[in-house]
């Protein structure tokens, strides 16, 4: 190469652009709204019944009581303890720490936000609705039972992890955990069956809608930080 020849231009790397919105977000939004409406409908049905057990509640309660054994009670206490306040705080902190360790800050935010929201609205809601817990409860002494907090938190964590990790085995294992939790709370006679169904609906609504909000904020931040695709105007050129 002679001195008169210009040096070859280095190839330009493609400009960074904001990520495309997750195609699952509209589906999650629809599911969240549907779960919210179903929860409200169930709440109305319970209120119209004077907050007393529904017919299906009494049937399931009798079935759980008649099939109870020492072994089944031990099994039922496992999700009851792991899904309790202390258990879920520990599990939640471990999962959030793992996301942060993997540099998945927004996923950690989504999980933390979902757990905070479901607890923040669930406990006051149970106090306001004030549905009486089964008198022969083996697990809880607090009088109110609608919705099931254990089921709501378990469902929130499961749905959020499914949305974040996108693995079929996560969805399958999570669904099994939710069913086990619902069975556990009714087998220990701590909740009516409609309580755990309401908790599941609350968890679905909170997880999906919170995830949608966090993803929307994440995309907006990414769009603001991405450089513009419009090439800079040369100095002195007309506007």
C-alpha atoms as a PDB file:
ATOM      1  CA  UNK A   1       0.000   0.000   0.000  1.00  0.00           C
ATOM      2  CA  UNK A   2       1.451   3.383  -1.016  1.00  0.00           C
ATOM      3  CA  UNK A   3       1.200   6.524   1.069  1.00  0.00           C
ATOM      4  CA  UNK A   4      -1.249   8.011  -1.429  1.00  0.00           C
ATOM      5  CA  UNK A   5      -3.726   5.184  -1.043  1.00  0.00           C
ATOM      6  CA  UNK A   6      -6.370   5.701   1.638  1.00  0.00           C
ATOM      7  CA  UNK A   7      -6.628   3.123   4.390  1.00  0.00           C
ATOM      8  CA  UNK A   8      -9.620   0.780   4.007  1.00  0.00           C
ATOM      9  CA  UNK A   9     -12.576   1.795   6.098  1.00  0.00           C
ATOM     10  CA  UNK A  10     -13.310  -0.446   9.047  1.00  0.00           C
ATOM     11  CA  UNK A  11     -16.701  -2.170   8.877  1.00  0.00           C
ATOM     12  CA  UNK A  12     -19.313  -0.454  10.963  1.00  0.00           C
ATOM     13  CA  UNK A  13     -21.058  -2.536  13.600  1.00  0.00           C
ATOM     14  CA  UNK A  14     -24.857  -2.492  13.381  1.00  0.00           C
ATOM     15  CA  UNK A  15     -26.413   0.139  15.635  1.00  0.00           C
ATOM     16  CA  UNK A  16     -28.050  -1.016  18.826  1.00  0.00           C
ATOM     17  CA  UNK A  17     -31.817  -0.948  18.664  1.00  0.00           C
ATOM     18  CA  UNK A  18     -34.491  -1.343  21.294  1.00  0.00           C
ATOM     19  CA  UNK A  19     -35.689  -4.941  21.669  1.00  0.00           C
ATOM     20  CA  UNK A  20     -39.005  -5.955  20.185  1.00  0.00           C
ATOM     21  CA  UNK A  21     -41.824  -6.293  22.735  1.00  0.00           C
ATOM     22  CA  UNK A  22     -42.363  -9.848  23.987  1.00  0.00           C
ATOM     23  CA  UNK A  23     -45.083 -11.453  21.862  1.00  0.00           C
ATOM     24  CA  UNK A  24     -46.406 -13.200  24.982  1.00  0.00           C
ATOM     25  CA  UNK A  25     -47.338  -9.925  26.629  1.00  0.00           C
ATOM     26  CA  UNK A  26     -50.821  -9.552  25.071  1.00  0.00           C
ATOM     27  CA  UNK A  27     -51.629 -13.145  26.049  1.00  0.00           C
ATOM     28  CA  UNK A  28     -50.435 -12.549  29.600  1.00  0.00           C
ATOM     29  CA  UNK A  29     -52.495  -9.366  29.764  1.00  0.00           C
ATOM     30  CA  UNK A  30     -55.643 -11.188  28.631  1.00  0.00           C
ATOM     31  CA  UNK A  31     -55.048 -13.998  31.127  1.00  0.00           C
ATOM     32  CA  UNK A  32     -54.475 -11.492  33.922  1.00  0.00           C
ATOM     33  CA  UNK A  33     -57.671  -9.575  33.185  1.00  0.00           C
ATOM     34  CA  UNK A  34     -59.656 -12.818  32.886  1.00  0.00           C
ATOM     35  CA  UNK A  35     -58.299 -14.065  36.223  1.00  0.00           C
ATOM     36  CA  UNK A  36     -59.193 -10.749  37.834  1.00  0.00           C
ATOM     37  CA  UNK A  37     -62.766 -10.929  36.533  1.00  0.00           C
ATOM     38  CA  UNK A  38     -63.087 -14.556  37.662  1.00  0.00           C
ATOM     39  CA  UNK A  39     -61.837 -13.591  41.124  1.00  0.00           C
ATOM     40  CA  UNK A  40     -64.385 -10.770  41.351  1.00  0.00           C
ATOM     41  CA  UNK A  41     -67.165 -13.140  40.249  1.00  0.00           C
ATOM     42  CA  UNK A  42     -66.193 -15.698  42.892  1.00  0.00           C
ATOM     43  CA  UNK A  43     -66.025 -12.932  45.481  1.00  0.00           C
ATOM     44  CA  UNK A  44     -69.574 -11.882  44.588  1.00  0.00           C
ATOM     45  CA  UNK A  45     -70.825 -15.471  44.836  1.00  0.00           C
ATOM     46  CA  UNK A  46     -69.272 -15.825  48.291  1.00  0.00           C
ATOM     47  CA  UNK A  47     -70.740 -12.484  49.386  1.00  0.00           C
ATOM     48  CA  UNK A  48     -74.219 -13.422  48.150  1.00  0.00           C
ATOM     49  CA  UNK A  49     -73.963 -16.577  50.223  1.00  0.00           C
ATOM     50  CA  UNK A  50     -73.333 -14.545  53.350  1.00  0.00           C
ATOM     51  CA  UNK A  51     -69.656 -15.561  53.395  1.00  0.00           C
ATOM     52  CA  UNK A  52     -70.705 -19.010  54.554  1.00  0.00           C
ATOM     53  CA  UNK A  53     -69.270 -22.145  52.897  1.00  0.00           C
ATOM     54  CA  UNK A  54     -70.656 -22.980  49.468  1.00  0.00           C
ATOM     55  CA  UNK A  55     -72.099 -26.400  48.760  1.00  0.00           C
ATOM     56  CA  UNK A  56     -68.917 -27.521  47.022  1.00  0.00           C
ATOM     57  CA  UNK A  57     -66.902 -26.232  49.987  1.00  0.00           C
ATOM     58  CA  UNK A  58     -68.781 -28.442  52.428  1.00  0.00           C
ATOM     59  CA  UNK A  59     -68.529 -31.466  50.124  1.00  0.00           C
ATOM     60  CA  UNK A  60     -64.750 -31.061  49.662  1.00  0.00           C
ATOM     61  CA  UNK A  61     -64.243 -30.338  53.375  1.00  0.00           C
ATOM     62  CA  UNK A  62     -65.993 -33.578  54.332  1.00  0.00           C
ATOM     63  CA  UNK A  63     -63.962 -35.487  51.730  1.00  0.00           C
ATOM     64  CA  UNK A  64     -60.668 -34.119  53.079  1.00  0.00           C
ATOM     65  CA  UNK A  65     -61.682 -34.926  56.637  1.00  0.00           C
ATOM     66  CA  UNK A  66     -62.756 -38.478  55.803  1.00  0.00           C
ATOM     67  CA  UNK A  67     -59.559 -39.280  53.872  1.00  0.00           C
ATOM     68  CA  UNK A  68     -57.167 -37.749  56.399  1.00  0.00           C
ATOM     69  CA  UNK A  69     -54.493 -39.913  58.009  1.00  0.00           C
ATOM     70  CA  UNK A  70     -51.329 -39.286  60.009  1.00  0.00           C
ATOM     71  CA  UNK A  71     -49.212 -39.788  56.884  1.00  0.00           C
ATOM     72  CA  UNK A  72     -51.334 -37.477  54.714  1.00  0.00           C
ATOM     73  CA  UNK A  73     -51.198 -34.744  57.344  1.00  0.00           C
ATOM     74  CA  UNK A  74     -47.389 -34.943  57.397  1.00  0.00           C
ATOM     75  CA  UNK A  75     -47.311 -34.663  53.601  1.00  0.00           C
ATOM     76  CA  UNK A  76     -49.753 -31.741  53.681  1.00  0.00           C
ATOM     77  CA  UNK A  77     -47.568 -29.860  56.146  1.00  0.00           C
ATOM     78  CA  UNK A  78     -44.601 -29.846  53.742  1.00  0.00           C
ATOM     79  CA  UNK A  79     -46.029 -27.238  51.303  1.00  0.00           C
ATOM     80  CA  UNK A  80     -47.734 -25.574  54.253  1.00  0.00           C
ATOM     81  CA  UNK A  81     -44.364 -24.861  55.887  1.00  0.00           C
ATOM     82  CA  UNK A  82     -42.412 -24.115  52.700  1.00  0.00           C
ATOM     83  CA  UNK A  83     -45.209 -21.857  51.466  1.00  0.00           C
ATOM     84  CA  UNK A  84     -45.563 -20.032  54.767  1.00  0.00           C
ATOM     85  CA  UNK A  85     -44.363 -16.501  55.447  1.00  0.00           C
ATOM     86  CA  UNK A  86     -40.829 -17.417  56.488  1.00  0.00           C
ATOM     87  CA  UNK A  87     -40.467 -20.141  53.864  1.00  0.00           C
ATOM     88  CA  UNK A  88     -41.526 -17.902  50.999  1.00  0.00           C
ATOM     89  CA  UNK A  89     -39.299 -15.040  52.184  1.00  0.00           C
ATOM     90  CA  UNK A  90     -36.304 -17.365  52.116  1.00  0.00           C
ATOM     91  CA  UNK A  91     -37.236 -18.927  48.764  1.00  0.00           C
ATOM     92  CA  UNK A  92     -37.975 -15.510  47.254  1.00  0.00           C
ATOM     93  CA  UNK A  93     -34.680 -14.013  48.414  1.00  0.00           C
ATOM     94  CA  UNK A  94     -32.733 -16.994  47.058  1.00  0.00           C
ATOM     95  CA  UNK A  95     -34.428 -16.771  43.645  1.00  0.00           C
ATOM     96  CA  UNK A  96     -33.942 -13.007  43.451  1.00  0.00           C
ATOM     97  CA  UNK A  97     -30.282 -13.401  44.399  1.00  0.00           C
ATOM     98  CA  UNK A  98     -29.828 -16.013  41.663  1.00  0.00           C
ATOM     99  CA  UNK A  99     -31.316 -13.695  39.049  1.00  0.00           C
ATOM    100  CA  UNK A 100     -29.049 -10.866  40.185  1.00  0.00           C
ATOM    101  CA  UNK A 101     -26.032 -13.191  40.133  1.00  0.00           C
ATOM    102  CA  UNK A 102     -26.880 -14.080  36.524  1.00  0.00           C
ATOM    103  CA  UNK A 103     -27.130 -10.344  35.712  1.00  0.00           C
ATOM    104  CA  UNK A 104     -30.883 -10.600  35.120  1.00  0.00           C
ATOM    105  CA  UNK A 105     -31.833  -7.492  37.049  1.00  0.00           C
ATOM    106  CA  UNK A 106     -35.218  -7.010  35.433  1.00  0.00           C
ATOM    107  CA  UNK A 107     -36.219 -10.610  36.120  1.00  0.00           C
ATOM    108  CA  UNK A 108     -35.292 -10.109  39.771  1.00  0.00           C
ATOM    109  CA  UNK A 109     -37.431  -6.964  39.807  1.00  0.00           C
ATOM    110  CA  UNK A 110     -40.390  -8.799  38.265  1.00  0.00           C
ATOM    111  CA  UNK A 111     -40.267 -11.594  40.847  1.00  0.00           C
ATOM    112  CA  UNK A 112     -39.797  -9.237  43.788  1.00  0.00           C
ATOM    113  CA  UNK A 113     -42.588  -6.942  42.590  1.00  0.00           C
ATOM    114  CA  UNK A 114     -45.007  -9.838  42.146  1.00  0.00           C
ATOM    115  CA  UNK A 115     -44.361 -11.208  45.636  1.00  0.00           C
ATOM    116  CA  UNK A 116     -44.683  -7.776  47.238  1.00  0.00           C
ATOM    117  CA  UNK A 117     -47.921  -6.963  45.410  1.00  0.00           C
ATOM    118  CA  UNK A 118     -49.640 -10.281  46.155  1.00  0.00           C
ATOM    119  CA  UNK A 119     -48.877 -10.002  49.870  1.00  0.00           C
ATOM    120  CA  UNK A 120     -49.753  -6.292  49.990  1.00  0.00           C
ATOM    121  CA  UNK A 121     -53.235  -6.830  48.570  1.00  0.00           C
ATOM    122  CA  UNK A 122     -53.958 -10.336  49.890  1.00  0.00           C
ATOM    123  CA  UNK A 123     -53.731  -9.816  53.648  1.00  0.00           C
ATOM    124  CA  UNK A 124     -55.844  -6.621  53.776  1.00  0.00           C
ATOM    125  CA  UNK A 125     -58.352  -8.216  51.395  1.00  0.00           C
ATOM    126  CA  UNK A 126     -58.808 -11.222  53.682  1.00  0.00           C
ATOM    127  CA  UNK A 127     -59.401  -8.899  56.640  1.00  0.00           C
ATOM    128  CA  UNK A 128     -61.966  -6.840  54.721  1.00  0.00           C
ATOM    129  CA  UNK A 129     -63.856  -9.851  53.333  1.00  0.00           C
ATOM    130  CA  UNK A 130     -63.716 -11.517  56.769  1.00  0.00           C
ATOM    131  CA  UNK A 131     -64.841 -14.975  55.743  1.00  0.00           C
ATOM    132  CA  UNK A 132     -64.662 -17.362  58.690  1.00  0.00           C
ATOM    133  CA  UNK A 133     -62.107 -20.164  58.456  1.00  0.00           C
ATOM    134  CA  UNK A 134     -63.216 -23.769  59.095  1.00  0.00           C
ATOM    135  CA  UNK A 135     -63.603 -24.263  62.848  1.00  0.00           C
ATOM    136  CA  UNK A 136     -61.656 -27.544  62.806  1.00  0.00           C
ATOM    137  CA  UNK A 137     -58.559 -26.105  61.087  1.00  0.00           C
ATOM    138  CA  UNK A 138     -55.339 -27.942  61.877  1.00  0.00           C
ATOM    139  CA  UNK A 139     -53.006 -25.258  60.561  1.00  0.00           C
ATOM    140  CA  UNK A 140     -54.214 -21.717  61.157  1.00  0.00           C
ATOM    141  CA  UNK A 141     -55.648 -19.723  64.034  1.00  0.00           C
ATOM    142  CA  UNK A 142     -56.376 -16.495  62.145  1.00  0.00           C
ATOM    143  CA  UNK A 143     -60.117 -16.216  61.669  1.00  0.00           C
ATOM    144  CA  UNK A 144     -60.235 -14.968  58.067  1.00  0.00           C
ATOM    145  CA  UNK A 145     -59.647 -17.293  55.117  1.00  0.00           C
ATOM    146  CA  UNK A 146     -60.621 -15.714  51.760  1.00  0.00           C
ATOM    147  CA  UNK A 147     -58.480 -15.805  49.673  1.00  0.00           C
ATOM    148  CA  UNK A 148     -55.803 -18.366  50.566  1.00  0.00           C
ATOM    149  CA  UNK A 149     -52.538 -16.483  51.007  1.00  0.00           C
ATOM    150  CA  UNK A 150     -50.401 -19.614  50.670  1.00  0.00           C
ATOM    151  CA  UNK A 151     -52.010 -20.452  47.328  1.00  0.00           C
ATOM    152  CA  UNK A 152     -51.837 -16.860  46.068  1.00  0.00           C
ATOM    153  CA  UNK A 153     -48.113 -16.503  46.796  1.00  0.00           C
ATOM    154  CA  UNK A 154     -47.283 -19.969  45.420  1.00  0.00           C
ATOM    155  CA  UNK A 155     -49.171 -19.228  42.201  1.00  0.00           C
ATOM    156  CA  UNK A 156     -47.529 -15.811  41.830  1.00  0.00           C
ATOM    157  CA  UNK A 157     -44.036 -17.281  42.134  1.00  0.00           C
ATOM    158  CA  UNK A 158     -44.804 -20.182  39.776  1.00  0.00           C
ATOM    159  CA  UNK A 159     -46.379 -18.054  37.031  1.00  0.00           C
ATOM    160  CA  UNK A 160     -43.637 -15.438  37.257  1.00  0.00           C
ATOM    161  CA  UNK A 161     -40.886 -18.055  37.015  1.00  0.00           C
ATOM    162  CA  UNK A 162     -42.653 -19.667  34.058  1.00  0.00           C
ATOM    163  CA  UNK A 163     -42.779 -16.345  32.232  1.00  0.00           C
ATOM    164  CA  UNK A 164     -39.147 -15.542  33.027  1.00  0.00           C
ATOM    165  CA  UNK A 165     -37.498 -18.926  32.425  1.00  0.00           C
ATOM    166  CA  UNK A 166     -39.628 -20.089  29.459  1.00  0.00           C
ATOM    167  CA  UNK A 167     -39.140 -23.795  30.165  1.00  0.00           C
ATOM    168  CA  UNK A 168     -41.869 -26.420  29.891  1.00  0.00           C
ATOM    169  CA  UNK A 169     -40.575 -28.297  32.906  1.00  0.00           C
ATOM    170  CA  UNK A 170     -40.895 -25.118  34.974  1.00  0.00           C
ATOM    171  CA  UNK A 171     -44.553 -24.815  34.011  1.00  0.00           C
ATOM    172  CA  UNK A 172     -45.182 -28.518  34.688  1.00  0.00           C
ATOM    173  CA  UNK A 173     -43.430 -28.544  38.061  1.00  0.00           C
ATOM    174  CA  UNK A 174     -45.066 -25.246  38.972  1.00  0.00           C
ATOM    175  CA  UNK A 175     -48.550 -26.514  38.151  1.00  0.00           C
ATOM    176  CA  UNK A 176     -47.936 -29.571  40.326  1.00  0.00           C
ATOM    177  CA  UNK A 177     -46.788 -27.332  43.175  1.00  0.00           C
ATOM    178  CA  UNK A 178     -49.916 -25.163  42.947  1.00  0.00           C
ATOM    179  CA  UNK A 179     -52.196 -28.211  43.003  1.00  0.00           C
ATOM    180  CA  UNK A 180     -50.262 -29.642  45.953  1.00  0.00           C
ATOM    181  CA  UNK A 181     -50.573 -26.345  47.811  1.00  0.00           C
ATOM    182  CA  UNK A 182     -54.325 -26.147  47.180  1.00  0.00           C
ATOM    183  CA  UNK A 183     -54.777 -29.724  48.371  1.00  0.00           C
ATOM    184  CA  UNK A 184     -52.571 -29.083  51.409  1.00  0.00           C
ATOM    185  CA  UNK A 185     -54.553 -26.061  52.605  1.00  0.00           C
ATOM    186  CA  UNK A 186     -57.859 -27.885  52.325  1.00  0.00           C
ATOM    187  CA  UNK A 187     -56.544 -31.213  53.647  1.00  0.00           C
ATOM    188  CA  UNK A 188     -55.362 -29.423  56.787  1.00  0.00           C
ATOM    189  CA  UNK A 189     -58.872 -27.917  56.911  1.00  0.00           C
ATOM    190  CA  UNK A 190     -57.331 -24.435  56.944  1.00  0.00           C
ATOM    191  CA  UNK A 191     -59.389 -23.199  53.980  1.00  0.00           C
ATOM    192  CA  UNK A 192     -62.575 -23.843  52.103  1.00  0.00           C
ATOM    193  CA  UNK A 193     -62.112 -24.995  48.525  1.00  0.00           C
ATOM    194  CA  UNK A 194     -63.339 -21.658  47.161  1.00  0.00           C
ATOM    195  CA  UNK A 195     -60.655 -19.930  49.256  1.00  0.00           C
ATOM    196  CA  UNK A 196     -57.841 -21.754  47.471  1.00  0.00           C
ATOM    197  CA  UNK A 197     -59.451 -21.233  44.056  1.00  0.00           C
ATOM    198  CA  UNK A 198     -59.625 -17.507  44.841  1.00  0.00           C
ATOM    199  CA  UNK A 199     -55.974 -17.570  45.903  1.00  0.00           C
ATOM    200  CA  UNK A 200     -54.987 -19.227  42.633  1.00  0.00           C
ATOM    201  CA  UNK A 201     -56.901 -16.605  40.617  1.00  0.00           C
ATOM    202  CA  UNK A 202     -55.322 -13.806  42.635  1.00  0.00           C
ATOM    203  CA  UNK A 203     -51.856 -15.224  42.016  1.00  0.00           C
ATOM    204  CA  UNK A 204     -52.440 -15.583  38.277  1.00  0.00           C
ATOM    205  CA  UNK A 205     -53.718 -12.008  38.029  1.00  0.00           C
ATOM    206  CA  UNK A 206     -50.890 -10.508  40.075  1.00  0.00           C
ATOM    207  CA  UNK A 207     -48.119 -12.471  38.329  1.00  0.00           C
ATOM    208  CA  UNK A 208     -49.233 -11.798  34.756  1.00  0.00           C
ATOM    209  CA  UNK A 209     -50.168  -8.150  35.197  1.00  0.00           C
ATOM    210  CA  UNK A 210     -47.064  -7.323  37.237  1.00  0.00           C
ATOM    211  CA  UNK A 211     -44.862  -9.034  34.649  1.00  0.00           C
ATOM    212  CA  UNK A 212     -46.539  -7.013  31.872  1.00  0.00           C
ATOM    213  CA  UNK A 213     -45.889  -3.753  33.721  1.00  0.00           C
ATOM    214  CA  UNK A 214     -42.239  -4.592  34.425  1.00  0.00           C
ATOM    215  CA  UNK A 215     -41.677  -5.655  30.803  1.00  0.00           C
ATOM    216  CA  UNK A 216     -43.263  -2.433  29.539  1.00  0.00           C
ATOM    217  CA  UNK A 217     -40.990  -0.339  31.772  1.00  0.00           C
ATOM    218  CA  UNK A 218     -38.007  -2.415  30.681  1.00  0.00           C
ATOM    219  CA  UNK A 219     -38.761  -1.856  26.987  1.00  0.00           C
ATOM    220  CA  UNK A 220     -39.263   1.869  27.519  1.00  0.00           C
ATOM    221  CA  UNK A 221     -35.916   2.165  29.283  1.00  0.00           C
ATOM    222  CA  UNK A 222     -34.238   0.186  26.488  1.00  0.00           C
ATOM    223  CA  UNK A 223     -35.829   2.407  23.832  1.00  0.00           C
ATOM    224  CA  UNK A 224     -34.594   5.540  25.549  1.00  0.00           C
ATOM    225  CA  UNK A 225     -31.039   4.239  25.858  1.00  0.00           C
ATOM    226  CA  UNK A 226     -30.810   2.910  22.278  1.00  0.00           C
ATOM    227  CA  UNK A 227     -29.093   5.338  19.845  1.00  0.00           C
ATOM    228  CA  UNK A 228     -31.179   6.889  17.108  1.00  0.00           C
ATOM    229  CA  UNK A 229     -31.091   5.195  13.702  1.00  0.00           C
ATOM    230  CA  UNK A 230     -31.199   8.582  11.930  1.00  0.00           C
ATOM    231  CA  UNK A 231     -27.677   9.500  10.710  1.00  0.00           C
ATOM    232  CA  UNK A 232     -26.294  12.762  12.111  1.00  0.00           C
ATOM    233  CA  UNK A 233     -26.776  15.817   9.889  1.00  0.00           C
ATOM    234  CA  UNK A 234     -23.515  17.353   8.563  1.00  0.00           C
ATOM    235  CA  UNK A 235     -22.594  20.688  10.025  1.00  0.00           C
ATOM    236  CA  UNK A 236     -23.807  23.612   7.943  1.00  0.00           C
ATOM    237  CA  UNK A 237     -26.495  21.564   6.152  1.00  0.00           C
ATOM    238  CA  UNK A 238     -29.989  23.062   6.012  1.00  0.00           C
ATOM    239  CA  UNK A 239     -32.446  21.886   8.677  1.00  0.00           C
END
